[in-house]
Structures are given as structure tokens and as C-alpha cells.
Amino acid sequence: MSVTDQPSWAHPFLRLHYRSVERRVAAAEVAAAELGVELETAMIREALAYEHGQYRRVAFGFVVGASIFVIVMTALNRAVCTPGGLLKPSPTNNCTAVAEA
């Protein structure tokens, strides 16, 4: 969902995004004027409009990845530190944090 009619103060990411879009559009206008080519700036601005939810998707992916990492590390720690566990602990492994089951 692209939004082009929101003010730039509505969200800090919007302000940063629109600033970079305006820089690129201004450079494209100058280049088009030098070449004598007609440029549809409104269409370019609409195509480069900020997509809401992009930050949310990235944050959600990070949380999912971190959760999987924590679960795997906990499972490996239990497998190493449980007496008779599936894995053999290294000499430098500290198993004092694992409660004995």
C-alpha cells in the first residue's frame, strides 16, 4: 500500500524516505532537461512512494530469527549439559546455569 498524500512529519521514516526520493527526482529532472526528454515526475514519485509495514515486516523477521536462535541454543545447552545427554560437553563448557532435571 503506497501512500503519497501523508505529510512528511507523520512518521520519521516517511521524512527520510521522501527526502531521498526528492533528491533522486530532482537529479532526474536536471538530467532530463539536459537531454531534452520529457519526465513524468508525478508517476516517479508515486512509484517510489513509501510502503507502510515495511519496517514492521523487517522487525517481525528479526524477532522470529532471534526466537529461533534462542530456542536452538537452549536445546543445545540442555543436550550438552544434561548428564547422559546427546552431546559431549567441551572442557571449557560451563554447565552450572542449567538446572538438574
PDB file of N, CA and C in Angstrom:
ATOM      1  N   MET A   1       0.842  -1.173   0.000  1.00  0.00           N
ATOM      2  CA  MET A   1       0.000   0.000   0.000  1.00  0.00           C
ATOM      3  C   MET A   1       0.886   1.233   0.000  1.00  0.00           C
ATOM      4  N   SER A   2       0.856   1.996  -1.040  1.00  0.00           N
ATOM      5  CA  SER A   2       1.670   3.192  -1.153  1.00  0.00           C
ATOM      6  C   SER A   2       0.865   4.402  -0.716  1.00  0.00           C
ATOM      7  N   VAL A   3       1.512   5.274   0.006  1.00  0.00           N
ATOM      8  CA  VAL A   3       0.849   6.477   0.489  1.00  0.00           C
ATOM      9  C   VAL A   3       1.674   7.672   0.051  1.00  0.00           C
ATOM     10  N   THR A   4       1.067   8.551  -0.732  1.00  0.00           N
ATOM     11  CA  THR A   4       1.784   9.748  -1.168  1.00  0.00           C
ATOM     12  C   THR A   4       1.169  11.017  -0.613  1.00  0.00           C
ATOM     13  N   ASP A   5      -0.020  10.941  -0.013  1.00  0.00           N
ATOM     14  CA  ASP A   5      -0.700  12.144   0.440  1.00  0.00           C
ATOM     15  C   ASP A   5      -0.506  12.434   1.922  1.00  0.00           C
ATOM     16  N   GLN A   6       0.321  11.697   2.634  1.00  0.00           N
ATOM     17  CA  GLN A   6       0.571  11.970   4.041  1.00  0.00           C
ATOM     18  C   GLN A   6       1.655  13.020   4.189  1.00  0.00           C
ATOM     19  N   PRO A   7       1.538  13.884   5.205  1.00  0.00           N
ATOM     20  CA  PRO A   7       2.602  14.863   5.430  1.00  0.00           C
ATOM     21  C   PRO A   7       3.875  14.181   5.899  1.00  0.00           C
ATOM     22  N   SER A   8       5.009  14.817   5.623  1.00  0.00           N
ATOM     23  CA  SER A   8       6.288  14.187   5.938  1.00  0.00           C
ATOM     24  C   SER A   8       6.553  14.130   7.432  1.00  0.00           C
ATOM     25  N   TRP A   9       5.866  14.948   8.237  1.00  0.00           N
ATOM     26  CA  TRP A   9       6.094  14.920   9.682  1.00  0.00           C
ATOM     27  C   TRP A   9       5.341  13.780  10.350  1.00  0.00           C
ATOM     28  N   ALA A  10       4.520  13.050   9.620  1.00  0.00           N
ATOM     29  CA  ALA A  10       3.693  11.999  10.215  1.00  0.00           C
ATOM     30  C   ALA A  10       4.525  10.856  10.763  1.00  0.00           C
ATOM     31  N   HIS A  11       5.651  10.610  10.177  1.00  0.00           N
ATOM     32  CA  HIS A  11       6.468   9.481  10.611  1.00  0.00           C
ATOM     33  C   HIS A  11       7.910   9.769  10.227  1.00  0.00           C
ATOM     34  N   PRO A  12       8.871   9.494  11.120  1.00  0.00           N
ATOM     35  CA  PRO A  12      10.265   9.809  10.778  1.00  0.00           C
ATOM     36  C   PRO A  12      10.786   9.052   9.565  1.00  0.00           C
ATOM     37  N   PHE A  13      10.336   7.807   9.362  1.00  0.00           N
ATOM     38  CA  PHE A  13      10.776   7.067   8.186  1.00  0.00           C
ATOM     39  C   PHE A  13      10.223   7.692   6.905  1.00  0.00           C
ATOM     40  N   LEU A  14       9.001   8.240   6.988  1.00  0.00           N
ATOM     41  CA  LEU A  14       8.441   8.924   5.825  1.00  0.00           C
ATOM     42  C   LEU A  14       9.303  10.116   5.446  1.00  0.00           C
ATOM     43  N   ARG A  15       9.702  10.889   6.455  1.00  0.00           N
ATOM     44  CA  ARG A  15      10.501  12.082   6.196  1.00  0.00           C
ATOM     45  C   ARG A  15      11.818  11.711   5.518  1.00  0.00           C
ATOM     46  N   LEU A  16      12.493  10.688   6.038  1.00  0.00           N
ATOM     47  CA  LEU A  16      13.749  10.248   5.431  1.00  0.00           C
ATOM     48  C   LEU A  16      13.537   9.721   4.017  1.00  0.00           C
ATOM     49  N   HIS A  17      12.478   8.946   3.845  1.00  0.00           N
ATOM     50  CA  HIS A  17      12.214   8.359   2.530  1.00  0.00           C
ATOM     51  C   HIS A  17      11.898   9.439   1.498  1.00  0.00           C
ATOM     52  N   TYR A  18      10.991  10.361   1.849  1.00  0.00           N
ATOM     53  CA  TYR A  18      10.605  11.388   0.892  1.00  0.00           C
ATOM     54  C   TYR A  18      11.761  12.324   0.575  1.00  0.00           C
ATOM     55  N   ARG A  19      12.638  12.558   1.540  1.00  0.00           N
ATOM     56  CA  ARG A  19      13.811  13.387   1.282  1.00  0.00           C
ATOM     57  C   ARG A  19      14.706  12.722   0.231  1.00  0.00           C
ATOM     58  N   SER A  20      14.920  11.415   0.375  1.00  0.00           N
ATOM     59  CA  SER A  20      15.764  10.718  -0.611  1.00  0.00           C
ATOM     60  C   SER A  20      15.071  10.634  -1.972  1.00  0.00           C
ATOM     61  N   VAL A  21      13.741  10.477  -1.981  1.00  0.00           N
ATOM     62  CA  VAL A  21      13.004  10.445  -3.248  1.00  0.00           C
ATOM     63  C   VAL A  21      13.121  11.791  -3.952  1.00  0.00           C
ATOM     64  N   GLU A  22      12.954  12.885  -3.202  1.00  0.00           N
ATOM     65  CA  GLU A  22      13.033  14.212  -3.815  1.00  0.00           C
ATOM     66  C   GLU A  22      14.426  14.488  -4.371  1.00  0.00           C
ATOM     67  N   ARG A  23      15.464  14.017  -3.679  1.00  0.00           N
ATOM     68  CA  ARG A  23      16.825  14.178  -4.206  1.00  0.00           C
ATOM     69  C   ARG A  23      16.978  13.455  -5.537  1.00  0.00           C
ATOM     70  N   ARG A  24      16.473  12.248  -5.608  1.00  0.00           N
ATOM     71  CA  ARG A  24      16.603  11.465  -6.840  1.00  0.00           C
ATOM     72  C   ARG A  24      15.758  12.046  -7.978  1.00  0.00           C
ATOM     73  N   VAL A  25      14.552  12.508  -7.640  1.00  0.00           N
ATOM     74  CA  VAL A  25      13.688  13.090  -8.667  1.00  0.00           C
ATOM     75  C   VAL A  25      14.291  14.397  -9.178  1.00  0.00           C
ATOM     76  N   ALA A  26      14.864  15.198  -8.279  1.00  0.00           N
ATOM     77  CA  ALA A  26      15.488  16.454  -8.710  1.00  0.00           C
ATOM     78  C   ALA A  26      16.664  16.176  -9.647  1.00  0.00           C
ATOM     79  N   ALA A  27      17.469  15.181  -9.314  1.00  0.00           N
ATOM     80  CA  ALA A  27      18.589  14.821 -10.194  1.00  0.00           C
ATOM     81  C   ALA A  27      18.081  14.303 -11.538  1.00  0.00           C
ATOM     82  N   ALA A  28      16.998  13.545 -11.520  1.00  0.00           N
ATOM     83  CA  ALA A  28      16.428  13.026 -12.768  1.00  0.00           C
ATOM     84  C   ALA A  28      15.850  14.158 -13.611  1.00  0.00           C
ATOM     85  N   GLU A  29      15.235  15.170 -12.968  1.00  0.00           N
ATOM     86  CA  GLU A  29      14.705  16.313 -13.709  1.00  0.00           C
ATOM     87  C   GLU A  29      15.820  17.089 -14.397  1.00  0.00           C
ATOM     88  N   VAL A  30      16.928  17.288 -13.685  1.00  0.00           N
ATOM     89  CA  VAL A  30      18.067  18.001 -14.275  1.00  0.00           C
ATOM     90  C   VAL A  30      18.618  17.221 -15.465  1.00  0.00           C
ATOM     91  N   ALA A  31      18.775  15.917 -15.300  1.00  0.00           N
ATOM     92  CA  ALA A  31      19.297  15.090 -16.391  1.00  0.00           C
ATOM     93  C   ALA A  31      18.339  15.077 -17.580  1.00  0.00           C
ATOM     94  N   ALA A  32      17.033  15.026 -17.310  1.00  0.00           N
ATOM     95  CA  ALA A  32      16.052  15.026 -18.399  1.00  0.00           C
ATOM     96  C   ALA A  32      16.055  16.365 -19.130  1.00  0.00           C
ATOM     97  N   ALA A  33      16.234  17.455 -18.385  1.00  0.00           N
ATOM     98  CA  ALA A  33      16.290  18.774 -19.021  1.00  0.00           C
ATOM     99  C   ALA A  33      17.526  18.892 -19.911  1.00  0.00           C
ATOM    100  N   GLU A  34      18.644  18.342 -19.461  1.00  0.00           N
ATOM    101  CA  GLU A  34      19.866  18.381 -20.277  1.00  0.00           C
ATOM    102  C   GLU A  34      19.715  17.566 -21.553  1.00  0.00           C
ATOM    103  N   LEU A  35      19.007  16.454 -21.449  1.00  0.00           N
ATOM    104  CA  LEU A  35      18.830  15.591 -22.618  1.00  0.00           C
ATOM    105  C   LEU A  35      17.646  16.006 -23.485  1.00  0.00           C
ATOM    106  N   GLY A  36      16.794  16.889 -22.955  1.00  0.00           N
ATOM    107  CA  GLY A  36      15.619  17.313 -23.698  1.00  0.00           C
ATOM    108  C   GLY A  36      14.527  16.267 -23.735  1.00  0.00           C
ATOM    109  N   VAL A  37      14.440  15.462 -22.680  1.00  0.00           N
ATOM    110  CA  VAL A  37      13.451  14.389 -22.599  1.00  0.00           C
ATOM    111  C   VAL A  37      12.373  14.800 -21.606  1.00  0.00           C
ATOM    112  N   GLU A  38      11.113  14.472 -21.935  1.00  0.00           N
ATOM    113  CA  GLU A  38      10.017  14.766 -21.015  1.00  0.00           C
ATOM    114  C   GLU A  38      10.016  13.727 -19.890  1.00  0.00           C
ATOM    115  N   LEU A  39       9.826  14.202 -18.660  1.00  0.00           N
ATOM    116  CA  LEU A  39       9.893  13.316 -17.496  1.00  0.00           C
ATOM    117  C   LEU A  39       8.595  13.408 -16.709  1.00  0.00           C
ATOM    118  N   GLU A  40       7.986  12.269 -16.425  1.00  0.00           N
ATOM    119  CA  GLU A  40       6.758  12.208 -15.631  1.00  0.00           C
ATOM    120  C   GLU A  40       7.127  12.122 -14.151  1.00  0.00           C
ATOM    121  N   THR A  41       7.313  13.267 -13.507  1.00  0.00           N
ATOM    122  CA  THR A  41       7.759  13.255 -12.109  1.00  0.00           C
ATOM    123  C   THR A  41       6.685  12.734 -11.167  1.00  0.00           C
ATOM    124  N   ALA A  42       5.418  13.004 -11.461  1.00  0.00           N
ATOM    125  CA  ALA A  42       4.346  12.516 -10.587  1.00  0.00           C
ATOM    126  C   ALA A  42       4.305  10.993 -10.587  1.00  0.00           C
ATOM    127  N   MET A  43       4.504  10.397 -11.752  1.00  0.00           N
ATOM    128  CA  MET A  43       4.499   8.939 -11.848  1.00  0.00           C
ATOM    129  C   MET A  43       5.702   8.343 -11.109  1.00  0.00           C
ATOM    130  N   ILE A  44       6.846   9.003 -11.199  1.00  0.00           N
ATOM    131  CA  ILE A  44       8.042   8.525 -10.495  1.00  0.00           C
ATOM    132  C   ILE A  44       7.843   8.615  -8.993  1.00  0.00           C
ATOM    133  N   ARG A  45       7.282   9.743  -8.522  1.00  0.00           N
ATOM    134  CA  ARG A  45       7.037   9.895  -7.080  1.00  0.00           C
ATOM    135  C   ARG A  45       6.053   8.837  -6.575  1.00  0.00           C
ATOM    136  N   GLU A  46       5.038   8.540  -7.380  1.00  0.00           N
ATOM    137  CA  GLU A  46       4.064   7.522  -6.979  1.00  0.00           C
ATOM    138  C   GLU A  46       4.702   6.138  -6.945  1.00  0.00           C
ATOM    139  N   ALA A  47       5.575   5.849  -7.888  1.00  0.00           N
ATOM    140  CA  ALA A  47       6.238   4.542  -7.922  1.00  0.00           C
ATOM    141  C   ALA A  47       7.204   4.378  -6.756  1.00  0.00           C
ATOM    142  N   LEU A  48       7.820   5.476  -6.320  1.00  0.00           N
ATOM    143  CA  LEU A  48       8.778   5.416  -5.218  1.00  0.00           C
ATOM    144  C   LEU A  48       8.153   5.735  -3.867  1.00  0.00           C
ATOM    145  N   ALA A  49       6.839   5.741  -3.784  1.00  0.00           N
ATOM    146  CA  ALA A  49       6.156   6.094  -2.538  1.00  0.00           C
ATOM    147  C   ALA A  49       6.498   5.104  -1.432  1.00  0.00           C
ATOM    148  N   TYR A  50       6.459   5.615  -0.221  1.00  0.00           N
ATOM    149  CA  TYR A  50       6.794   4.813   0.959  1.00  0.00           C
ATOM    150  C   TYR A  50       5.735   3.749   1.180  1.00  0.00           C
ATOM    151  N   GLU A  51       6.161   2.533   1.435  1.00  0.00           N
ATOM    152  CA  GLU A  51       5.230   1.443   1.725  1.00  0.00           C
ATOM    153  C   GLU A  51       5.157   1.236   3.226  1.00  0.00           C
ATOM    154  N   HIS A  52       3.980   1.456   3.783  1.00  0.00           N
ATOM    155  CA  HIS A  52       3.801   1.235   5.215  1.00  0.00           C
ATOM    156  C   HIS A  52       3.875  -0.255   5.506  1.00  0.00           C
ATOM    157  N   GLY A  53       4.395  -0.606   6.637  1.00  0.00           N
ATOM    158  CA  GLY A  53       4.513  -2.002   7.019  1.00  0.00           C
ATOM    159  C   GLY A  53       5.853  -2.605   6.680  1.00  0.00           C
ATOM    160  N   GLN A  54       6.680  -1.887   5.933  1.00  0.00           N
ATOM    161  CA  GLN A  54       7.989  -2.422   5.572  1.00  0.00           C
ATOM    162  C   GLN A  54       8.851  -2.585   6.822  1.00  0.00           C
ATOM    163  N   TYR A  55       8.867  -1.580   7.693  1.00  0.00           N
ATOM    164  CA  TYR A  55       9.633  -1.671   8.939  1.00  0.00           C
ATOM    165  C   TYR A  55       9.076  -2.791   9.813  1.00  0.00           C
ATOM    166  N   ARG A  56       7.764  -2.901   9.841  1.00  0.00           N
ATOM    167  CA  ARG A  56       7.125  -3.937  10.655  1.00  0.00           C
ATOM    168  C   ARG A  56       7.506  -5.332  10.169  1.00  0.00           C
ATOM    169  N   ARG A  57       7.574  -5.523   8.848  1.00  0.00           N
ATOM    170  CA  ARG A  57       7.969  -6.828   8.303  1.00  0.00           C
ATOM    171  C   ARG A  57       9.412  -7.168   8.655  1.00  0.00           C
ATOM    172  N   VAL A  58      10.287  -6.191   8.568  1.00  0.00           N
ATOM    173  CA  VAL A  58      11.693  -6.429   8.898  1.00  0.00           C
ATOM    174  C   VAL A  58      11.837  -6.734  10.383  1.00  0.00           C
ATOM    175  N   ALA A  59      11.146  -5.968  11.231  1.00  0.00           N
ATOM    176  CA  ALA A  59      11.219  -6.204  12.674  1.00  0.00           C
ATOM    177  C   ALA A  59      10.650  -7.576  13.026  1.00  0.00           C
ATOM    178  N   PHE A  60       9.555  -7.965  12.386  1.00  0.00           N
ATOM    179  CA  PHE A  60       8.963  -9.273  12.656  1.00  0.00           C
ATOM    180  C   PHE A  60       9.922 -10.389  12.252  1.00  0.00           C
ATOM    181  N   GLY A  61      10.566 -10.248  11.117  1.00  0.00           N
ATOM    182  CA  GLY A  61      11.548 -11.245  10.688  1.00  0.00           C
ATOM    183  C   GLY A  61      12.714 -11.347  11.653  1.00  0.00           C
ATOM    184  N   PHE A  62      13.158 -10.199  12.168  1.00  0.00           N
ATOM    185  CA  PHE A  62      14.241 -10.208  13.146  1.00  0.00           C
ATOM    186  C   PHE A  62      13.812 -10.912  14.432  1.00  0.00           C
ATOM    187  N   VAL A  63      12.608 -10.638  14.903  1.00  0.00           N
ATOM    188  CA  VAL A  63      12.110 -11.276  16.129  1.00  0.00           C
ATOM    189  C   VAL A  63      11.971 -12.783  15.927  1.00  0.00           C
ATOM    190  N   VAL A  64      11.472 -13.201  14.793  1.00  0.00           N
ATOM    191  CA  VAL A  64      11.337 -14.637  14.515  1.00  0.00           C
ATOM    192  C   VAL A  64      12.707 -15.298  14.474  1.00  0.00           C
ATOM    193  N   GLY A  65      13.657 -14.679  13.801  1.00  0.00           N
ATOM    194  CA  GLY A  65      15.009 -15.235  13.729  1.00  0.00           C
ATOM    195  C   GLY A  65      15.677 -15.317  15.089  1.00  0.00           C
ATOM    196  N   ALA A  66      15.523 -14.265  15.898  1.00  0.00           N
ATOM    197  CA  ALA A  66      16.110 -14.268  17.239  1.00  0.00           C
ATOM    198  C   ALA A  66      15.455 -15.334  18.111  1.00  0.00           C
ATOM    199  N   SER A  67      14.143 -15.512  17.980  1.00  0.00           N
ATOM    200  CA  SER A  67      13.446 -16.535  18.764  1.00  0.00           C
ATOM    201  C   SER A  67      13.927 -17.934  18.394  1.00  0.00           C
ATOM    202  N   ILE A  68      14.078 -18.186  17.114  1.00  0.00           N
ATOM    203  CA  ILE A  68      14.581 -19.493  16.676  1.00  0.00           C
ATOM    204  C   ILE A  68      15.987 -19.720  17.202  1.00  0.00           C
ATOM    205  N   PHE A  69      16.826 -18.691  17.153  1.00  0.00           N
ATOM    206  CA  PHE A  69      18.194 -18.799  17.670  1.00  0.00           C
ATOM    207  C   PHE A  69      18.196 -19.138  19.158  1.00  0.00           C
ATOM    208  N   VAL A  70      17.354 -18.470  19.949  1.00  0.00           N
ATOM    209  CA  VAL A  70      17.291 -18.727  21.393  1.00  0.00           C
ATOM    210  C   VAL A  70      16.808 -20.147  21.664  1.00  0.00           C
ATOM    211  N   ILE A  71      15.809 -20.602  20.931  1.00  0.00           N
ATOM    212  CA  ILE A  71      15.290 -21.959  21.136  1.00  0.00           C
ATOM    213  C   ILE A  71      16.356 -23.002  20.803  1.00  0.00           C
ATOM    214  N   VAL A  72      17.068 -22.809  19.702  1.00  0.00           N
ATOM    215  CA  VAL A  72      18.116 -23.762  19.314  1.00  0.00           C
ATOM    216  C   VAL A  72      19.245 -23.758  20.336  1.00  0.00           C
ATOM    217  N   MET A  73      19.655 -22.581  20.805  1.00  0.00           N
ATOM    218  CA  MET A  73      20.734 -22.507  21.796  1.00  0.00           C
ATOM    219  C   MET A  73      20.318 -23.156  23.120  1.00  0.00           C
ATOM    220  N   THR A  74      19.066 -22.972  23.517  1.00  0.00           N
ATOM    221  CA  THR A  74      18.577 -23.609  24.743  1.00  0.00           C
ATOM    222  C   THR A  74      18.559 -25.125  24.584  1.00  0.00           C
ATOM    223  N   ALA A  75      18.090 -25.604  23.447  1.00  0.00           N
ATOM    224  CA  ALA A  75      18.048 -27.053  23.213  1.00  0.00           C
ATOM    225  C   ALA A  75      19.452 -27.643  23.189  1.00  0.00           C
ATOM    226  N   LEU A  76      20.392 -26.955  22.550  1.00  0.00           N
ATOM    227  CA  LEU A  76      21.769 -27.456  22.518  1.00  0.00           C
ATOM    228  C   LEU A  76      22.398 -27.436  23.906  1.00  0.00           C
ATOM    229  N   ASN A  77      22.112 -26.403  24.682  1.00  0.00           N
ATOM    230  CA  ASN A  77      22.662 -26.323  26.032  1.00  0.00           C
ATOM    231  C   ASN A  77      22.130 -27.469  26.892  1.00  0.00           C
ATOM    232  N   ARG A  78      20.849 -27.763  26.767  1.00  0.00           N
ATOM    233  CA  ARG A  78      20.274 -28.880  27.526  1.00  0.00           C
ATOM    234  C   ARG A  78      20.878 -30.207  27.070  1.00  0.00           C
ATOM    235  N   ALA A  79      21.083 -30.358  25.777  1.00  0.00           N
ATOM    236  CA  ALA A  79      21.636 -31.619  25.266  1.00  0.00           C
ATOM    237  C   ALA A  79      23.072 -31.815  25.709  1.00  0.00           C
ATOM    238  N   VAL A  80      23.816 -30.740  25.865  1.00  0.00           N
ATOM    239  CA  VAL A  80      25.219 -30.846  26.277  1.00  0.00           C
ATOM    240  C   VAL A  80      25.333 -30.988  27.784  1.00  0.00           C
ATOM    241  N   CYS A  81      24.565 -30.226  28.539  1.00  0.00           N
ATOM    242  CA  CYS A  81      24.771 -30.136  29.981  1.00  0.00           C
ATOM    243  C   CYS A  81      23.983 -31.152  30.796  1.00  0.00           C
ATOM    244  N   THR A  82      23.071 -31.892  30.198  1.00  0.00           N
ATOM    245  CA  THR A  82      22.347 -32.914  30.938  1.00  0.00           C
ATOM    246  C   THR A  82      23.229 -34.153  31.049  1.00  0.00           C
ATOM    247  N   PRO A  83      23.387 -34.704  32.249  1.00  0.00           N
ATOM    248  CA  PRO A  83      24.191 -35.924  32.371  1.00  0.00           C
ATOM    249  C   PRO A  83      23.597 -37.044  31.516  1.00  0.00           C
ATOM    250  N   GLY A  84      24.434 -37.660  30.702  1.00  0.00           N
ATOM    251  CA  GLY A  84      23.963 -38.693  29.781  1.00  0.00           C
ATOM    252  C   GLY A  84      23.244 -38.106  28.585  1.00  0.00           C
ATOM    253  N   GLY A  85      23.457 -36.809  28.306  1.00  0.00           N
ATOM    254  CA  GLY A  85      22.785 -36.124  27.203  1.00  0.00           C
ATOM    255  C   GLY A  85      23.279 -36.584  25.850  1.00  0.00           C
ATOM    256  N   LEU A  86      22.711 -36.014  24.831  1.00  0.00           N
ATOM    257  CA  LEU A  86      23.027 -36.419  23.466  1.00  0.00           C
ATOM    258  C   LEU A  86      24.399 -35.947  23.001  1.00  0.00           C
ATOM    259  N   LEU A  87      24.892 -34.836  23.538  1.00  0.00           N
ATOM    260  CA  LEU A  87      26.157 -34.272  23.093  1.00  0.00           C
ATOM    261  C   LEU A  87      27.179 -34.301  24.219  1.00  0.00           C
ATOM    262  N   LYS A  88      28.439 -34.342  23.850  1.00  0.00           N
ATOM    263  CA  LYS A  88      29.517 -34.379  24.834  1.00  0.00           C
ATOM    264  C   LYS A  88      30.014 -32.947  25.076  1.00  0.00           C
ATOM    265  N   PRO A  89      30.040 -32.480  26.338  1.00  0.00           N
ATOM    266  CA  PRO A  89      30.483 -31.110  26.599  1.00  0.00           C
ATOM    267  C   PRO A  89      31.982 -30.953  26.388  1.00  0.00           C
ATOM    268  N   SER A  90      32.371 -29.754  25.976  1.00  0.00           N
ATOM    269  CA  SER A  90      33.797 -29.465  25.817  1.00  0.00           C
ATOM    270  C   SER A  90      34.395 -29.169  27.190  1.00  0.00           C
ATOM    271  N   PRO A  91      35.716 -29.217  27.334  1.00  0.00           N
ATOM    272  CA  PRO A  91      36.338 -28.947  28.635  1.00  0.00           C
ATOM    273  C   PRO A  91      36.093 -27.525  29.134  1.00  0.00           C
ATOM    274  N   THR A  92      35.826 -26.589  28.235  1.00  0.00           N
ATOM    275  CA  THR A  92      35.608 -25.198  28.647  1.00  0.00           C
ATOM    276  C   THR A  92      34.140 -24.857  28.833  1.00  0.00           C
ATOM    277  N   ASN A  93      33.234 -25.810  28.661  1.00  0.00           N
ATOM    278  CA  ASN A  93      31.810 -25.543  28.773  1.00  0.00           C
ATOM    279  C   ASN A  93      31.415 -25.371  30.233  1.00  0.00           C
ATOM    280  N   ASN A  94      30.622 -24.344  30.517  1.00  0.00           N
ATOM    281  CA  ASN A  94      30.140 -24.083  31.865  1.00  0.00           C
ATOM    282  C   ASN A  94      28.681 -24.502  31.942  1.00  0.00           C
ATOM    283  N   CYS A  95      28.408 -25.593  32.637  1.00  0.00           N
ATOM    284  CA  CYS A  95      27.046 -26.119  32.728  1.00  0.00           C
ATOM    285  C   CYS A  95      26.394 -25.800  34.066  1.00  0.00           C
ATOM    286  N   THR A  96      26.883 -24.813  34.796  1.00  0.00           N
ATOM    287  CA  THR A  96      26.311 -24.511  36.107  1.00  0.00           C
ATOM    288  C   THR A  96      24.972 -23.807  35.994  1.00  0.00           C
ATOM    289  N   ALA A  97      24.652 -23.185  34.854  1.00  0.00           N
ATOM    290  CA  ALA A  97      23.405 -22.442  34.714  1.00  0.00           C
ATOM    291  C   ALA A  97      22.214 -23.347  34.428  1.00  0.00           C
ATOM    292  N   VAL A  98      22.437 -24.588  34.070  1.00  0.00           N
ATOM    293  CA  VAL A  98      21.347 -25.495  33.732  1.00  0.00           C
ATOM    294  C   VAL A  98      20.890 -26.213  34.993  1.00  0.00           C
ATOM    295  N   ALA A  99      19.586 -26.137  35.256  1.00  0.00           N
ATOM    296  CA  ALA A  99      19.036 -26.822  36.429  1.00  0.00           C
ATOM    297  C   ALA A  99      19.015 -28.321  36.167  1.00  0.00           C
ATOM    298  N   GLU A 100      19.378 -29.072  37.169  1.00  0.00           N
ATOM    299  CA  GLU A 100      19.387 -30.536  37.031  1.00  0.00           C
ATOM    300  C   GLU A 100      17.952 -31.034  36.999  1.00  0.00           C
ATOM    301  N   ALA A 101      17.657 -31.878  36.043  1.00  0.00           N
ATOM    302  CA  ALA A 101      16.292 -32.383  35.902  1.00  0.00           C
ATOM    303  C   ALA A 101      16.092 -33.651  36.701  1.00  0.00           C
TER     304      ALA A 101
END
